[in-house]
């Protein structure tokens, strides 16, 4: 992998540095926004190799996110997801053996747009006009259902103690999103939007969303390292480039942490879905 040649390209390095900073911001504020980083890395570097360079940068962001939101994770949701994600990672590894860059970009872009459409449809079909959902009644995200041990919409109880969905539907949704999340994160580090859409669909509020997502991706991305190395996507040269880029993740994470409490719940969800659509469209149009 000849990724170190990029260090002589000032414009390319600046783009990668900005994308690394966006990774830090997305991990502590608007999860899913790093699909833009994915597109930038794939534009500056060869698409397949870019996934190997981006992975350690993402892990650095995951560590910072866990340090910030570690107390807000909803572990029952994580344990429900992991088996399906493992299946998706294995499928994604097999897919990378034969798929070229064009097939990878088209597949991931289509999946992201499909998931965004499904999420919007679910929200419109389950939320009466003129009313707020359990996830955004206070409009601020100050009370975090997931942090209180409740994942609204996944078959457990809502804030008022009433059932909000059958457990069977929650398990099917977790398995479906888990396989898709594992596949997309292995193929293109694009699992963030898929899992963001799942957590929004399950009714997570901001802090529970960020805490659960932080632990999820720290564990999953770390597990992906040997798979990526085995595929030749991570090597000594890529890690040297990562050593430079990781420095820019830190200020992005601090900016995200400062901004997250200024973003109300409804805007937060719109930003996540909007970032997903933008990232998916960029992958399809490249």
Protein backbone atom coordinates (compact mmCIF):
# COMPACT_ATOMS: atom_id res chain seq x y z
CA UNK A 1 0.00 0.00 0.00
CA UNK A 2 1.54 3.27 -1.15
CA UNK A 3 -0.55 5.53 1.05
CA UNK A 4 2.43 7.49 2.38
CA UNK A 5 2.74 9.25 -0.97
CA UNK A 6 -0.23 11.33 0.14
CA UNK A 7 1.98 13.14 2.65
CA UNK A 8 3.50 15.11 -0.22
CA UNK A 9 0.06 16.25 -1.35
CA UNK A 10 -0.87 19.24 0.81
CA UNK A 11 -4.45 19.37 -0.43
CA UNK A 12 -4.96 15.66 0.10
CA UNK A 13 -3.48 15.72 3.60
CA UNK A 14 -5.62 18.72 4.51
CA UNK A 15 -8.73 16.87 3.35
CA UNK A 16 -7.78 13.78 5.35
CA UNK A 17 -7.05 15.89 8.44
CA UNK A 18 -10.45 17.59 8.18
CA UNK A 19 -12.11 14.20 7.73
CA UNK A 20 -10.28 12.88 10.81
CA UNK A 21 -11.52 15.87 12.81
CA UNK A 22 -15.05 15.14 11.59
CA UNK A 23 -14.65 11.57 12.88
CA UNK A 24 -13.98 12.94 16.36
CA UNK A 25 -16.98 15.29 16.09
CA UNK A 26 -19.29 12.53 14.88
CA UNK A 27 -18.27 10.18 17.69
CA UNK A 28 -19.18 12.69 20.39
CA UNK A 29 -22.02 14.65 18.76
CA UNK A 30 -23.70 13.53 15.52
CA UNK A 31 -23.08 9.84 14.91
CA UNK A 32 -23.40 9.03 11.22
CA UNK A 33 -21.73 12.24 10.11
CA UNK A 34 -18.51 10.30 9.58
CA UNK A 35 -19.99 8.90 6.37
CA UNK A 36 -18.67 12.17 4.94
CA UNK A 37 -15.22 11.21 6.27
CA UNK A 38 -15.58 7.84 4.59
CA UNK A 39 -16.28 9.55 1.25
CA UNK A 40 -13.29 11.90 1.70
CA UNK A 41 -10.89 9.06 2.50
CA UNK A 42 -12.17 7.09 -0.50
CA UNK A 43 -11.72 10.14 -2.75
CA UNK A 44 -8.16 10.92 -1.65
CA UNK A 45 -6.93 7.31 -1.31
CA UNK A 46 -7.74 4.16 -3.29
CA UNK A 47 -11.19 3.09 -2.10
CA UNK A 48 -10.29 -0.33 -0.71
CA UNK A 49 -7.09 0.87 0.96
CA UNK A 50 -8.92 3.86 2.43
CA UNK A 51 -10.97 1.56 4.67
CA UNK A 52 -7.78 0.22 6.27
CA UNK A 53 -6.42 3.71 6.89
CA UNK A 54 -9.72 4.96 8.30
CA UNK A 55 -10.25 2.08 10.75
CA UNK A 56 -7.58 3.09 13.35
CA UNK A 57 -8.79 6.70 13.11
CA UNK A 58 -12.30 5.50 13.92
CA UNK A 59 -11.01 3.45 16.86
CA UNK A 60 -9.29 6.54 18.26
CA UNK A 61 -12.61 8.36 18.04
CA UNK A 62 -14.37 5.42 19.67
CA UNK A 63 -11.97 5.54 22.64
CA UNK A 64 -12.67 9.24 23.15
CA UNK A 65 -16.43 8.65 22.84
CA UNK A 66 -16.34 5.84 25.41
CA UNK A 67 -14.38 8.04 27.82
CA UNK A 68 -17.05 10.72 27.39
CA UNK A 69 -20.29 8.68 27.38
CA UNK A 70 -19.32 5.33 28.94
CA UNK A 71 -21.97 5.58 31.67
CA UNK A 72 -24.86 5.97 29.22
CA UNK A 73 -24.58 2.67 27.33
CA UNK A 74 -27.56 0.31 27.25
CA UNK A 75 -25.89 -3.11 27.43
CA UNK A 76 -28.98 -5.28 26.81
CA UNK A 77 -29.25 -3.65 23.40
CA UNK A 78 -25.56 -4.28 22.72
CA UNK A 79 -25.75 -7.96 23.62
CA UNK A 80 -28.83 -8.28 21.42
CA UNK A 81 -26.92 -6.84 18.46
CA UNK A 82 -23.50 -8.53 18.68
CA UNK A 83 -24.40 -12.03 17.36
CA UNK A 84 -26.06 -10.57 14.23
CA UNK A 85 -23.18 -8.12 13.74
CA UNK A 86 -20.69 -11.01 13.84
CA UNK A 87 -22.59 -12.67 11.01
CA UNK A 88 -22.50 -9.44 9.03
CA UNK A 89 -18.75 -9.03 9.55
CA UNK A 90 -18.09 -12.54 8.22
CA UNK A 91 -20.31 -11.90 5.18
CA UNK A 92 -18.57 -8.57 4.59
CA UNK A 93 -15.14 -10.19 4.75
CA UNK A 94 -16.18 -12.69 2.10
CA UNK A 95 -17.65 -9.89 -0.02
CA UNK A 96 -14.34 -8.01 0.01
CA UNK A 97 -12.53 -10.98 -1.50
CA UNK A 98 -14.32 -10.58 -4.84
CA UNK A 99 -15.98 -7.14 -5.00
CA UNK A 100 -14.20 -4.25 -6.70
CA UNK A 101 -14.34 -0.62 -5.54
CA UNK A 102 -17.33 0.28 -7.73
CA UNK A 103 -19.43 -2.61 -6.43
CA UNK A 104 -18.54 -1.77 -2.82
CA UNK A 105 -19.46 1.91 -3.19
CA UNK A 106 -22.75 1.19 -4.96
CA UNK A 107 -23.80 -1.50 -2.48
CA UNK A 108 -23.10 0.59 0.62
CA UNK A 109 -24.68 3.74 -0.81
CA UNK A 110 -27.86 1.86 -1.69
CA UNK A 111 -28.08 0.28 1.76
CA UNK A 112 -27.65 3.64 3.52
CA UNK A 113 -30.37 5.32 1.45
CA UNK A 114 -32.70 2.34 1.96
CA UNK A 115 -32.19 2.45 5.73
CA UNK A 116 -32.83 6.20 5.83
CA UNK A 117 -36.04 5.71 3.86
CA UNK A 118 -37.22 2.90 6.13
CA UNK A 119 -36.52 4.99 9.24
CA UNK A 120 -38.42 8.00 7.88
CA UNK A 121 -41.34 5.77 6.92
CA UNK A 122 -41.42 4.16 10.36
CA UNK A 123 -41.40 7.55 12.07
CA UNK A 124 -44.23 8.91 9.92
CA UNK A 125 -46.35 5.79 10.35
CA UNK A 126 -45.97 5.56 14.14
CA UNK A 127 -46.05 9.24 15.16
CA UNK A 128 -49.47 10.97 15.01
CA UNK A 129 -49.46 14.39 13.38
CA UNK A 130 -48.79 17.23 15.78
CA UNK A 131 -47.53 15.03 18.61
CA UNK A 132 -44.09 14.30 19.98
CA UNK A 133 -42.67 10.85 20.40
CA UNK A 134 -41.42 9.45 23.67
CA UNK A 135 -37.91 10.20 22.50
CA UNK A 136 -38.41 13.94 22.06
CA UNK A 137 -41.22 15.01 24.41
CA UNK A 138 -39.04 17.44 26.28
CA UNK A 139 -37.32 18.65 23.08
CA UNK A 140 -33.98 18.76 24.82
CA UNK A 141 -32.90 15.18 25.31
CA UNK A 142 -32.24 16.00 28.96
CA UNK A 143 -33.90 12.83 30.18
CA UNK A 144 -32.22 9.84 28.60
CA UNK A 145 -34.37 6.72 28.40
CA UNK A 146 -31.49 4.44 27.51
CA UNK A 147 -29.32 5.79 30.30
CA UNK A 148 -32.12 4.79 32.65
CA UNK A 149 -31.97 1.24 31.34
CA UNK A 150 -34.83 1.61 28.89
CA UNK A 151 -34.55 1.27 25.14
CA UNK A 152 -37.83 2.75 23.92
CA UNK A 153 -39.26 0.94 20.92
CA UNK A 154 -37.32 -2.30 21.17
CA UNK A 155 -40.04 -4.27 22.89
CA UNK A 156 -39.41 -3.00 26.43
CA UNK A 157 -41.29 -0.42 28.44
CA UNK A 158 -41.51 3.27 27.66
CA UNK A 159 -40.99 6.10 30.15
CA UNK A 160 -44.57 5.78 31.40
CA UNK A 161 -44.26 2.01 31.91
CA UNK A 162 -46.41 1.00 28.94
CA UNK A 163 -45.32 -1.46 26.27
CA UNK A 164 -44.39 0.25 23.03
CA UNK A 165 -43.81 -2.76 20.78
CA UNK A 166 -43.76 -6.56 20.79
CA UNK A 167 -40.51 -8.18 21.83
CA UNK A 168 -40.51 -10.31 18.69
CA UNK A 169 -40.48 -7.26 16.43
CA UNK A 170 -37.63 -5.81 18.50
CA UNK A 171 -35.55 -8.97 18.05
CA UNK A 172 -36.18 -9.11 14.30
CA UNK A 173 -35.23 -5.46 13.94
CA UNK A 174 -32.05 -5.95 15.98
CA UNK A 175 -31.00 -8.94 13.88
CA UNK A 176 -31.73 -7.20 10.59
CA UNK A 177 -29.89 -4.01 11.48
CA UNK A 178 -27.13 -6.02 13.16
CA UNK A 179 -26.32 -8.04 10.03
CA UNK A 180 -26.48 -4.92 7.86
CA UNK A 181 -24.35 -3.00 10.35
CA UNK A 182 -21.73 -5.74 10.51
CA UNK A 183 -21.62 -6.04 6.73
CA UNK A 184 -21.34 -2.30 6.06
CA UNK A 185 -18.79 -1.68 8.80
CA UNK A 186 -16.57 -4.49 7.51
CA UNK A 187 -16.84 -3.53 3.85
CA UNK A 188 -16.49 0.24 4.09
CA UNK A 189 -16.48 1.37 7.75
CA UNK A 190 -20.03 2.53 7.02
CA UNK A 191 -21.80 0.77 9.86
CA UNK A 192 -22.31 4.03 11.77
CA UNK A 193 -25.34 5.24 9.80
CA UNK A 194 -26.99 1.82 9.89
CA UNK A 195 -26.62 1.52 13.65
CA UNK A 196 -27.60 5.18 14.11
CA UNK A 197 -30.85 4.49 12.28
CA UNK A 198 -31.44 1.42 14.45
CA UNK A 199 -30.90 3.33 17.69
CA UNK A 200 -33.16 6.16 16.53
CA UNK A 201 -35.83 3.64 15.49
CA UNK A 202 -35.53 2.08 18.95
CA UNK A 203 -36.22 5.48 20.53
CA UNK A 204 -32.84 6.22 22.10
CA UNK A 205 -32.26 9.77 23.23
CA UNK A 206 -29.00 11.61 22.75
CA UNK A 207 -26.86 10.43 25.64
CA UNK A 208 -28.05 6.83 25.54
CA UNK A 209 -27.62 6.88 21.79
CA UNK A 210 -24.04 8.15 22.02
CA UNK A 211 -23.03 5.91 24.92
CA UNK A 212 -24.44 2.75 23.36
CA UNK A 213 -22.96 3.62 19.96
CA UNK A 214 -19.56 4.40 21.50
CA UNK A 215 -19.19 1.02 23.18
CA UNK A 216 -20.63 -0.80 20.19
CA UNK A 217 -18.12 0.59 17.72
CA UNK A 218 -15.12 0.40 20.03
CA UNK A 219 -15.73 -3.32 20.40
CA UNK A 220 -16.71 -4.01 16.78
CA UNK A 221 -13.98 -1.90 15.20
CA UNK A 222 -11.32 -3.51 17.40
CA UNK A 223 -12.54 -6.97 16.38
CA UNK A 224 -12.32 -5.91 12.71
CA UNK A 225 -8.57 -5.14 12.91
CA UNK A 226 -7.29 -8.71 12.32
CA UNK A 227 -9.79 -9.18 9.48
CA UNK A 228 -8.62 -5.98 7.80
CA UNK A 229 -4.96 -6.85 8.32
CA UNK A 230 -5.56 -10.28 6.86
CA UNK A 231 -7.06 -8.67 3.76
CA UNK A 232 -3.98 -6.46 3.41
CA UNK A 233 -5.90 -3.28 4.22
CA UNK A 234 -3.74 -2.43 7.26
CA UNK A 235 0.06 -2.47 7.15
CA UNK A 236 3.04 -0.52 8.50
CA UNK A 237 2.72 2.32 5.99
CA UNK A 238 -0.99 2.81 6.64
CA UNK A 239 -0.37 2.89 10.38
CA UNK A 240 2.27 5.63 9.94
CA UNK A 241 -0.30 7.73 8.10
CA UNK A 242 -2.80 6.99 10.90
CA UNK A 243 -0.29 8.24 13.48
CA UNK A 244 -0.47 11.65 11.80
CA UNK A 245 -4.24 11.70 11.33
CA UNK A 246 -5.19 10.55 14.85
CA UNK A 247 -3.91 13.87 16.21
CA UNK A 248 -6.83 15.63 14.47
CA UNK A 249 -9.46 13.36 15.98
CA UNK A 250 -8.97 14.88 19.45
CA UNK A 251 -10.02 18.49 18.71
CA UNK A 252 -12.99 17.19 16.71
CA UNK A 253 -14.12 15.15 19.71
CA UNK A 254 -13.87 18.15 22.05
CA UNK A 255 -15.87 20.30 19.63
CA UNK A 256 -18.55 17.61 19.45
CA UNK A 257 -18.70 17.30 23.22
CA UNK A 258 -19.17 21.07 23.54
CA UNK A 259 -21.93 21.11 20.91
CA UNK A 260 -23.97 18.02 21.81
CA UNK A 261 -25.94 19.61 24.67
CA UNK A 262 -26.85 22.56 22.42
CA UNK A 263 -28.58 20.30 19.89
CA UNK A 264 -32.19 19.41 20.73
CA UNK A 265 -33.47 15.87 20.19
CA UNK A 266 -35.48 16.49 17.04
CA UNK A 267 -32.63 18.38 15.38
CA UNK A 268 -30.21 15.65 16.51
CA UNK A 269 -32.26 12.96 14.77
CA UNK A 270 -32.64 15.04 11.61
CA UNK A 271 -28.89 15.63 11.48
CA UNK A 272 -28.19 11.90 11.83
CA UNK A 273 -30.65 10.99 9.07
CA UNK A 274 -29.45 13.85 6.88
CA UNK A 275 -25.83 12.76 7.27
CA UNK A 276 -26.84 9.22 6.34
CA UNK A 277 -28.60 10.36 3.17
CA UNK A 278 -25.70 12.60 2.20
CA UNK A 279 -23.15 9.85 2.75
CA UNK A 280 -25.19 7.31 0.81
CA UNK A 281 -25.72 9.71 -2.10
CA UNK A 282 -21.99 10.52 -2.24
CA UNK A 283 -21.12 6.84 -2.49
CA UNK A 284 -23.65 6.26 -5.27
CA UNK A 285 -22.66 9.30 -7.30
CA UNK A 286 -18.90 8.73 -7.22
